Amino acid sequence: AWFRQAPGREREFVAAISGIGGTIEYADSVKG
């Protein structure tokens, strides 16, 4: 998975991918 953290903010989830790539999840803020 990818996470990100901006100054002064909590770390947030960005995207994740399963072991062989069959399942993907995105945060709404980056979807598309």
Full PDB file with SEQRES, HELIX, SHEET, SSBOND, CRYST1, ORIGX, SCALE, CONECT and MASTER records, all heavy atoms in Angstrom:
SEQRES   1 A   32  ALA TRP PHE ARG GLN ALA PRO GLY ARG GLU ARG GLU PHE          
SEQRES   2 A   32  VAL ALA ALA ILE SER GLY ILE GLY GLY THR ILE GLU TYR          
SEQRES   3 A   32  ALA ASP SER VAL LYS GLY                                      
SHEET    1 AA1 3 TRP A   2  ARG A   4  0                                        
SHEET    2 AA1 3 GLU A  12  ILE A  17 -1                                        
SHEET    3 AA1 3 ILE A  24  TYR A  26 -1                                        
CRYST1    1.000    1.000    1.000  90.00  90.00  90.00 P 1           1          
ORIGX1      1.000000  0.000000  0.000000        0.00000                         
ORIGX2      0.000000  1.000000  0.000000        0.00000                         
ORIGX3      0.000000  0.000000  1.000000        0.00000                         
SCALE1      1.000000  0.000000  0.000000        0.00000                         
SCALE2      0.000000  1.000000  0.000000        0.00000                         
SCALE3      0.000000  0.000000  1.000000        0.00000                         
ATOM      1  N   ALA A   1       0.828  -1.200   0.000  1.00  0.00           N  
ATOM      2  CA  ALA A   1       0.000   0.000   0.000  1.00  0.00           C  
ATOM      3  C   ALA A   1       0.859   1.246   0.000  1.00  0.00           C  
ATOM      4  O   ALA A   1       2.035   1.227   0.382  1.00  0.00           O  
ATOM      5  CB  ALA A   1      -0.931   0.007   1.211  1.00  0.00           C  
ATOM      6  N   TRP A   2       0.246   2.333  -0.429  1.00  0.00           N  
ATOM      7  CA  TRP A   2       0.821   3.664  -0.331  1.00  0.00           C  
ATOM      8  C   TRP A   2       0.045   4.474   0.687  1.00  0.00           C  
ATOM      9  O   TRP A   2      -1.200   4.477   0.684  1.00  0.00           O  
ATOM     10  CB  TRP A   2       0.785   4.394  -1.673  1.00  0.00           C  
ATOM     11  CG  TRP A   2       1.716   3.849  -2.701  1.00  0.00           C  
ATOM     12  CD1 TRP A   2       1.416   2.997  -3.711  1.00  0.00           C  
ATOM     13  CD2 TRP A   2       3.110   4.138  -2.816  1.00  0.00           C  
ATOM     14  NE1 TRP A   2       2.534   2.733  -4.466  1.00  0.00           N  
ATOM     15  CE2 TRP A   2       3.592   3.419  -3.936  1.00  0.00           C  
ATOM     16  CE3 TRP A   2       4.005   4.933  -2.095  1.00  0.00           C  
ATOM     17  CZ2 TRP A   2       4.926   3.475  -4.342  1.00  0.00           C  
ATOM     18  CZ3 TRP A   2       5.326   4.985  -2.500  1.00  0.00           C  
ATOM     19  CH2 TRP A   2       5.773   4.260  -3.610  1.00  0.00           C  
ATOM     20  N   PHE A   3       0.764   5.136   1.559  1.00  0.00           N  
ATOM     21  CA  PHE A   3       0.218   6.107   2.490  1.00  0.00           C  
ATOM     22  C   PHE A   3       0.933   7.433   2.265  1.00  0.00           C  
ATOM     23  O   PHE A   3       1.986   7.487   1.652  1.00  0.00           O  
ATOM     24  CB  PHE A   3       0.409   5.657   3.940  1.00  0.00           C  
ATOM     25  CG  PHE A   3      -0.441   4.485   4.347  1.00  0.00           C  
ATOM     26  CD1 PHE A   3      -0.131   3.197   3.939  1.00  0.00           C  
ATOM     27  CD2 PHE A   3      -1.556   4.675   5.147  1.00  0.00           C  
ATOM     28  CE1 PHE A   3      -0.906   2.115   4.310  1.00  0.00           C  
ATOM     29  CE2 PHE A   3      -2.347   3.598   5.539  1.00  0.00           C  
ATOM     30  CZ  PHE A   3      -2.017   2.323   5.113  1.00  0.00           C  
ATOM     31  N   ARG A   4       0.363   8.503   2.788  1.00  0.00           N  
ATOM     32  CA  ARG A   4       1.028   9.797   2.706  1.00  0.00           C  
ATOM     33  C   ARG A   4       0.766  10.593   3.970  1.00  0.00           C  
ATOM     34  O   ARG A   4      -0.226  10.381   4.668  1.00  0.00           O  
ATOM     35  CB  ARG A   4       0.576  10.587   1.476  1.00  0.00           C  
ATOM     36  CG  ARG A   4      -0.883  11.025   1.501  1.00  0.00           C  
ATOM     37  CD  ARG A   4      -1.267  11.643   0.162  1.00  0.00           C  
ATOM     38  NE  ARG A   4      -2.643  12.122   0.161  1.00  0.00           N  
ATOM     39  CZ  ARG A   4      -3.262  12.592  -0.901  1.00  0.00           C  
ATOM     40  NH1 ARG A   4      -2.625  12.660  -2.080  1.00  0.00           N  
ATOM     41  NH2 ARG A   4      -4.520  13.009  -0.814  1.00  0.00           N  
ATOM     42  N   GLN A   5       1.668  11.517   4.250  1.00  0.00           N  
ATOM     43  CA  GLN A   5       1.535  12.362   5.415  1.00  0.00           C  
ATOM     44  C   GLN A   5       2.000  13.771   5.066  1.00  0.00           C  
ATOM     45  O   GLN A   5       3.149  13.977   4.687  1.00  0.00           O  
ATOM     46  CB  GLN A   5       2.342  11.816   6.592  1.00  0.00           C  
ATOM     47  CG  GLN A   5       2.103  12.567   7.888  1.00  0.00           C  
ATOM     48  CD  GLN A   5       2.702  11.856   9.082  1.00  0.00           C  
ATOM     49  OE1 GLN A   5       3.608  11.043   8.945  1.00  0.00           O  
ATOM     50  NE2 GLN A   5       2.185  12.160  10.257  1.00  0.00           N  
ATOM     51  N   ALA A   6       1.090  14.715   5.186  1.00  0.00           N  
ATOM     52  CA  ALA A   6       1.392  16.119   4.967  1.00  0.00           C  
ATOM     53  C   ALA A   6       1.789  16.758   6.290  1.00  0.00           C  
ATOM     54  O   ALA A   6       1.428  16.266   7.364  1.00  0.00           O  
ATOM     55  CB  ALA A   6       0.183  16.833   4.372  1.00  0.00           C  
ATOM     56  N   PRO A   7       2.529  17.870   6.246  1.00  0.00           N  
ATOM     57  CA  PRO A   7       2.928  18.529   7.490  1.00  0.00           C  
ATOM     58  C   PRO A   7       1.729  18.871   8.369  1.00  0.00           C  
ATOM     59  O   PRO A   7       0.740  19.430   7.891  1.00  0.00           O  
ATOM     60  CB  PRO A   7       3.635  19.795   7.006  1.00  0.00           C  
ATOM     61  CG  PRO A   7       4.140  19.437   5.650  1.00  0.00           C  
ATOM     62  CD  PRO A   7       3.094  18.544   5.067  1.00  0.00           C  
ATOM     63  N   GLY A   8       1.820  18.513   9.643  1.00  0.00           N  
ATOM     64  CA  GLY A   8       0.760  18.810  10.580  1.00  0.00           C  
ATOM     65  C   GLY A   8      -0.470  17.936  10.476  1.00  0.00           C  
ATOM     66  O   GLY A   8      -1.465  18.206  11.160  1.00  0.00           O  
ATOM     67  N   ARG A   9      -0.426  16.909   9.653  1.00  0.00           N  
ATOM     68  CA  ARG A   9      -1.579  16.040   9.476  1.00  0.00           C  
ATOM     69  C   ARG A   9      -1.219  14.593   9.796  1.00  0.00           C  
ATOM     70  O   ARG A   9      -0.042  14.219   9.816  1.00  0.00           O  
ATOM     71  CB  ARG A   9      -2.113  16.129   8.046  1.00  0.00           C  
ATOM     72  CG  ARG A   9      -2.566  17.517   7.635  1.00  0.00           C  
ATOM     73  CD  ARG A   9      -3.230  17.508   6.281  1.00  0.00           C  
ATOM     74  NE  ARG A   9      -4.456  16.712   6.292  1.00  0.00           N  
ATOM     75  CZ  ARG A   9      -5.228  16.500   5.231  1.00  0.00           C  
ATOM     76  NH1 ARG A   9      -4.894  17.026   4.061  1.00  0.00           N  
ATOM     77  NH2 ARG A   9      -6.329  15.768   5.335  1.00  0.00           N  
ATOM     78  N   GLU A  10      -2.235  13.789  10.042  1.00  0.00           N  
ATOM     79  CA  GLU A  10      -2.039  12.371  10.292  1.00  0.00           C  
ATOM     80  C   GLU A  10      -1.731  11.653   8.984  1.00  0.00           C  
ATOM     81  O   GLU A  10      -2.120  12.089   7.894  1.00  0.00           O  
ATOM     82  CB  GLU A  10      -3.283  11.760  10.932  1.00  0.00           C  
ATOM     83  CG  GLU A  10      -3.637  12.323  12.294  1.00  0.00           C  
ATOM     84  CD  GLU A  10      -2.661  11.893  13.354  1.00  0.00           C  
ATOM     85  OE1 GLU A  10      -2.077  10.796  13.227  1.00  0.00           O  
ATOM     86  OE2 GLU A  10      -2.474  12.650  14.318  1.00  0.00           O  
ATOM     87  N   ARG A  11      -1.026  10.540   9.104  1.00  0.00           N  
ATOM     88  CA  ARG A  11      -0.781   9.709   7.943  1.00  0.00           C  
ATOM     89  C   ARG A  11      -2.112   9.164   7.415  1.00  0.00           C  
ATOM     90  O   ARG A  11      -2.957   8.713   8.186  1.00  0.00           O  
ATOM     91  CB  ARG A  11       0.162   8.567   8.307  1.00  0.00           C  
ATOM     92  CG  ARG A  11       0.565   7.683   7.148  1.00  0.00           C  
ATOM     93  CD  ARG A  11       1.600   6.648   7.572  1.00  0.00           C  
ATOM     94  NE  ARG A  11       2.858   7.268   7.948  1.00  0.00           N  
ATOM     95  CZ  ARG A  11       3.945   6.591   8.322  1.00  0.00           C  
ATOM     96  NH1 ARG A  11       3.919   5.273   8.381  1.00  0.00           N  
ATOM     97  NH2 ARG A  11       5.061   7.238   8.653  1.00  0.00           N  
ATOM     98  N   GLU A  12      -2.296   9.199   6.098  1.00  0.00           N  
ATOM     99  CA  GLU A  12      -3.543   8.754   5.509  1.00  0.00           C  
ATOM    100  C   GLU A  12      -3.307   7.722   4.415  1.00  0.00           C  
ATOM    101  O   GLU A  12      -2.292   7.739   3.724  1.00  0.00           O  
ATOM    102  CB  GLU A  12      -4.343   9.938   4.941  1.00  0.00           C  
ATOM    103  CG  GLU A  12      -3.682  10.647   3.773  1.00  0.00           C  
ATOM    104  CD  GLU A  12      -4.562  11.718   3.155  1.00  0.00           C  
ATOM    105  OE1 GLU A  12      -5.786  11.710   3.386  1.00  0.00           O  
ATOM    106  OE2 GLU A  12      -4.015  12.580   2.433  1.00  0.00           O  
ATOM    107  N   PHE A  13      -4.263   6.849   4.271  1.00  0.00           N  
ATOM    108  CA  PHE A  13      -4.230   5.815   3.251  1.00  0.00           C  
ATOM    109  C   PHE A  13      -4.421   6.420   1.874  1.00  0.00           C  
ATOM    110  O   PHE A  13      -5.245   7.317   1.682  1.00  0.00           O  
ATOM    111  CB  PHE A  13      -5.331   4.788   3.537  1.00  0.00           C  
ATOM    112  CG  PHE A  13      -5.548   3.796   2.437  1.00  0.00           C  
ATOM    113  CD1 PHE A  13      -4.704   2.710   2.285  1.00  0.00           C  
ATOM    114  CD2 PHE A  13      -6.599   3.943   1.558  1.00  0.00           C  
ATOM    115  CE1 PHE A  13      -4.905   1.786   1.277  1.00  0.00           C  
ATOM    116  CE2 PHE A  13      -6.819   3.031   0.546  1.00  0.00           C  
ATOM    117  CZ  PHE A  13      -5.962   1.950   0.403  1.00  0.00           C  
ATOM    118  N   VAL A  14      -3.673   5.915   0.892  1.00  0.00           N  
ATOM    119  CA  VAL A  14      -3.779   6.377  -0.484  1.00  0.00           C  
ATOM    120  C   VAL A  14      -4.306   5.271  -1.398  1.00  0.00           C  
ATOM    121  O   VAL A  14      -5.302   5.449  -2.096  1.00  0.00           O  
ATOM    122  CB  VAL A  14      -2.427   6.893  -1.013  1.00  0.00           C  
ATOM    123  CG1 VAL A  14      -2.536   7.279  -2.487  1.00  0.00           C  
ATOM    124  CG2 VAL A  14      -1.945   8.071  -0.181  1.00  0.00           C  
ATOM    125  N   ALA A  15      -3.639   4.129  -1.414  1.00  0.00           N  
ATOM    126  CA  ALA A  15      -4.021   3.035  -2.303  1.00  0.00           C  
ATOM    127  C   ALA A  15      -3.377   1.753  -1.814  1.00  0.00           C  
ATOM    128  O   ALA A  15      -2.341   1.776  -1.150  1.00  0.00           O  
ATOM    129  CB  ALA A  15      -3.593   3.320  -3.744  1.00  0.00           C  
ATOM    130  N   ALA A  16      -3.981   0.614  -2.155  1.00  0.00           N  
ATOM    131  CA  ALA A  16      -3.443  -0.687  -1.788  1.00  0.00           C  
ATOM    132  C   ALA A  16      -3.664  -1.663  -2.926  1.00  0.00           C  
ATOM    133  O   ALA A  16      -4.599  -1.521  -3.721  1.00  0.00           O  
ATOM    134  CB  ALA A  16      -4.090  -1.210  -0.507  1.00  0.00           C  
ATOM    135  N   ILE A  17      -2.818  -2.678  -2.977  1.00  0.00           N  
ATOM    136  CA  ILE A  17      -2.904  -3.699  -4.008  1.00  0.00           C  
ATOM    137  C   ILE A  17      -2.591  -5.047  -3.387  1.00  0.00           C  
ATOM    138  O   ILE A  17      -1.675  -5.178  -2.572  1.00  0.00           O  
ATOM    139  CB  ILE A  17      -1.953  -3.355  -5.182  1.00  0.00           C  
ATOM    140  CG1 ILE A  17      -2.120  -4.347  -6.337  1.00  0.00           C  
ATOM    141  CG2 ILE A  17      -0.506  -3.289  -4.713  1.00  0.00           C  
ATOM    142  CD1 ILE A  17      -1.453  -3.870  -7.623  1.00  0.00           C  
ATOM    143  N   SER A  18      -3.354  -6.071  -3.752  1.00  0.00           N  
ATOM    144  CA  SER A  18      -3.161  -7.397  -3.203  1.00  0.00           C  
ATOM    145  C   SER A  18      -1.896  -8.038  -3.761  1.00  0.00           C  
ATOM    146  O   SER A  18      -1.256  -7.512  -4.674  1.00  0.00           O  
ATOM    147  CB  SER A  18      -4.376  -8.279  -3.479  1.00  0.00           C  
ATOM    148  OG  SER A  18      -4.592  -8.421  -4.869  1.00  0.00           O  
ATOM    149  N   GLY A  19      -1.550  -9.201  -3.228  1.00  0.00           N  
ATOM    150  CA  GLY A  19      -0.266  -9.828  -3.507  1.00  0.00           C  
ATOM    151  C   GLY A  19       0.044 -10.086  -4.965  1.00  0.00           C  
ATOM    152  O   GLY A  19       1.198  -9.951  -5.388  1.00  0.00           O  
ATOM    153  N   ILE A  20      -0.976 -10.471  -5.756  1.00  0.00           N  
ATOM    154  CA  ILE A  20      -0.755 -10.694  -7.175  1.00  0.00           C  
ATOM    155  C   ILE A  20      -1.445  -9.638  -8.033  1.00  0.00           C  
ATOM    156  O   ILE A  20      -1.518  -9.781  -9.255  1.00  0.00           O  
ATOM    157  CB  ILE A  20      -1.189 -12.106  -7.604  1.00  0.00           C  
ATOM    158  CG1 ILE A  20      -2.671 -12.337  -7.336  1.00  0.00           C  
ATOM    159  CG2 ILE A  20      -0.329 -13.154  -6.901  1.00  0.00           C  
ATOM    160  CD1 ILE A  20      -3.191 -13.638  -7.920  1.00  0.00           C  
ATOM    161  N   GLY A  21      -1.949  -8.596  -7.417  1.00  0.00           N  
ATOM    162  CA  GLY A  21      -2.492  -7.472  -8.146  1.00  0.00           C  
ATOM    163  C   GLY A  21      -3.950  -7.562  -8.525  1.00  0.00           C  
ATOM    164  O   GLY A  21      -4.450  -6.681  -9.236  1.00  0.00           O  
ATOM    165  N   GLY A  22      -4.665  -8.596  -8.052  1.00  0.00           N  
ATOM    166  CA  GLY A  22      -6.043  -8.783  -8.460  1.00  0.00           C  
ATOM    167  C   GLY A  22      -7.052  -7.877  -7.787  1.00  0.00           C  
ATOM    168  O   GLY A  22      -8.160  -7.713  -8.299  1.00  0.00           O  
ATOM    169  N   THR A  23      -6.702  -7.308  -6.653  1.00  0.00           N  
ATOM    170  CA  THR A  23      -7.597  -6.439  -5.908  1.00  0.00           C  
ATOM    171  C   THR A  23      -6.896  -5.126  -5.630  1.00  0.00           C  
ATOM    172  O   THR A  23      -5.737  -5.120  -5.199  1.00  0.00           O  
ATOM    173  CB  THR A  23      -8.034  -7.091  -4.592  1.00  0.00           C  
ATOM    174  OG1 THR A  23      -8.632  -8.359  -4.859  1.00  0.00           O  
ATOM    175  CG2 THR A  23      -9.049  -6.209  -3.868  1.00  0.00           C  
ATOM    176  N   ILE A  24      -7.587  -4.031  -5.860  1.00  0.00           N  
ATOM    177  CA  ILE A  24      -7.033  -2.690  -5.686  1.00  0.00           C  
ATOM    178  C   ILE A  24      -8.032  -1.837  -4.923  1.00  0.00           C  
ATOM    179  O   ILE A  24      -9.235  -1.919  -5.147  1.00  0.00           O  
ATOM    180  CB  ILE A  24      -6.695  -2.065  -7.049  1.00  0.00           C  
ATOM    181  CG1 ILE A  24      -5.480  -2.768  -7.664  1.00  0.00           C  
ATOM    182  CG2 ILE A  24      -6.447  -0.571  -6.927  1.00  0.00           C  
ATOM    183  CD1 ILE A  24      -5.170  -2.347  -9.082  1.00  0.00           C  
ATOM    184  N   GLU A  25      -7.506  -1.001  -4.026  1.00  0.00           N  
ATOM    185  CA  GLU A  25      -8.327  -0.062  -3.275  1.00  0.00           C  
ATOM    186  C   GLU A  25      -7.700   1.326  -3.375  1.00  0.00           C  
ATOM    187  O   GLU A  25      -6.482   1.472  -3.350  1.00  0.00           O  
ATOM    188  CB  GLU A  25      -8.420  -0.469  -1.802  1.00  0.00           C  
ATOM    189  CG  GLU A  25      -8.998  -1.858  -1.550  1.00  0.00           C  
ATOM    190  CD  GLU A  25     -10.507  -1.896  -1.618  1.00  0.00           C  
ATOM    191  OE1 GLU A  25     -11.135  -0.813  -1.673  1.00  0.00           O  
ATOM    192  OE2 GLU A  25     -11.072  -2.998  -1.620  1.00  0.00           O  
ATOM    193  N   TYR A  26      -8.554   2.343  -3.483  1.00  0.00           N  
ATOM    194  CA  TYR A  26      -8.097   3.727  -3.526  1.00  0.00           C  
ATOM    195  C   TYR A  26      -8.851   4.567  -2.518  1.00  0.00           C  
ATOM    196  O   TYR A  26     -10.042   4.342  -2.272  1.00  0.00           O  
ATOM    197  CB  TYR A  26      -8.323   4.355  -4.899  1.00  0.00           C  
ATOM    198  CG  TYR A  26      -7.505   3.786  -6.024  1.00  0.00           C  
ATOM    199  CD1 TYR A  26      -8.077   2.919  -6.944  1.00  0.00           C  
ATOM    200  CD2 TYR A  26      -6.170   4.127  -6.174  1.00  0.00           C  
ATOM    201  CE1 TYR A  26      -7.331   2.404  -7.990  1.00  0.00           C  
ATOM    202  CE2 TYR A  26      -5.417   3.615  -7.215  1.00  0.00           C  
ATOM    203  CZ  TYR A  26      -6.008   2.753  -8.125  1.00  0.00           C  
ATOM    204  OH  TYR A  26      -5.266   2.247  -9.163  1.00  0.00           O  
ATOM    205  N   ALA A  27      -8.157   5.549  -1.970  1.00  0.00           N  
ATOM    206  CA  ALA A  27      -8.850   6.579  -1.223  1.00  0.00           C  
ATOM    207  C   ALA A  27      -9.686   7.424  -2.177  1.00  0.00           C  
ATOM    208  O   ALA A  27      -9.310   7.632  -3.333  1.00  0.00           O  
ATOM    209  CB  ALA A  27      -7.845   7.459  -0.480  1.00  0.00           C  
ATOM    210  N   ASP A  28     -10.819   7.911  -1.697  1.00  0.00           N  
ATOM    211  CA  ASP A  28     -11.686   8.720  -2.544  1.00  0.00           C  
ATOM    212  C   ASP A  28     -10.968   9.955  -3.090  1.00  0.00           C  
ATOM    213  O   ASP A  28     -11.246  10.398  -4.210  1.00  0.00           O  
ATOM    214  CB  ASP A  28     -12.926   9.151  -1.776  1.00  0.00           C  
ATOM    215  CG  ASP A  28     -13.898   8.008  -1.535  1.00  0.00           C  
ATOM    216  OD1 ASP A  28     -13.795   6.972  -2.224  1.00  0.00           O  
ATOM    217  OD2 ASP A  28     -14.771   8.150  -0.659  1.00  0.00           O  
ATOM    218  N   SER A  29     -10.040  10.495  -2.333  1.00  0.00           N  
ATOM    219  CA  SER A  29      -9.367  11.717  -2.721  1.00  0.00           C  
ATOM    220  C   SER A  29      -8.464  11.552  -3.939  1.00  0.00           C  
ATOM    221  O   SER A  29      -8.126  12.544  -4.591  1.00  0.00           O  
ATOM    222  CB  SER A  29      -8.554  12.266  -1.546  1.00  0.00           C  
ATOM    223  OG  SER A  29      -7.576  11.331  -1.132  1.00  0.00           O  
ATOM    224  N   VAL A  30      -8.067  10.324  -4.250  1.00  0.00           N  
ATOM    225  CA  VAL A  30      -7.162  10.091  -5.372  1.00  0.00           C  
ATOM    226  C   VAL A  30      -7.790   9.251  -6.468  1.00  0.00           C  
ATOM    227  O   VAL A  30      -7.169   9.069  -7.535  1.00  0.00           O  
ATOM    228  CB  VAL A  30      -5.842   9.444  -4.912  1.00  0.00           C  
ATOM    229  CG1 VAL A  30      -5.202  10.264  -3.804  1.00  0.00           C  
ATOM    230  CG2 VAL A  30      -6.067   8.010  -4.453  1.00  0.00           C  
ATOM    231  N   LYS A  31      -8.969   8.749  -6.259  1.00  0.00           N  
ATOM    232  CA  LYS A  31      -9.627   7.884  -7.228  1.00  0.00           C  
ATOM    233  C   LYS A  31      -9.808   8.618  -8.559  1.00  0.00           C  
ATOM    234  O   LYS A  31     -10.271   9.758  -8.593  1.00  0.00           O  
ATOM    235  CB  LYS A  31     -10.970   7.413  -6.678  1.00  0.00           C  
ATOM    236  CG  LYS A  31     -11.578   6.236  -7.399  1.00  0.00           C  
ATOM    237  CD  LYS A  31     -12.802   5.711  -6.646  1.00  0.00           C  
ATOM    238  CE  LYS A  31     -12.437   5.212  -5.261  1.00  0.00           C  
ATOM    239  NZ  LYS A  31     -13.615   4.662  -4.535  1.00  0.00           N  
ATOM    240  N   GLY A  32      -9.428   7.958  -9.640  1.00  0.00           N  
ATOM    241  CA  GLY A  32      -9.512   8.553 -10.957  1.00  0.00           C  
ATOM    242  C   GLY A  32      -8.282   9.327 -11.367  1.00  0.00           C  
ATOM    243  O   GLY A  32      -8.140   9.673 -12.547  1.00  0.00           O  
TER     244      GLY A  32                                                      
MASTER        0    0    0    0    3    0    0    6  243    1    0    3          
END                                                                             
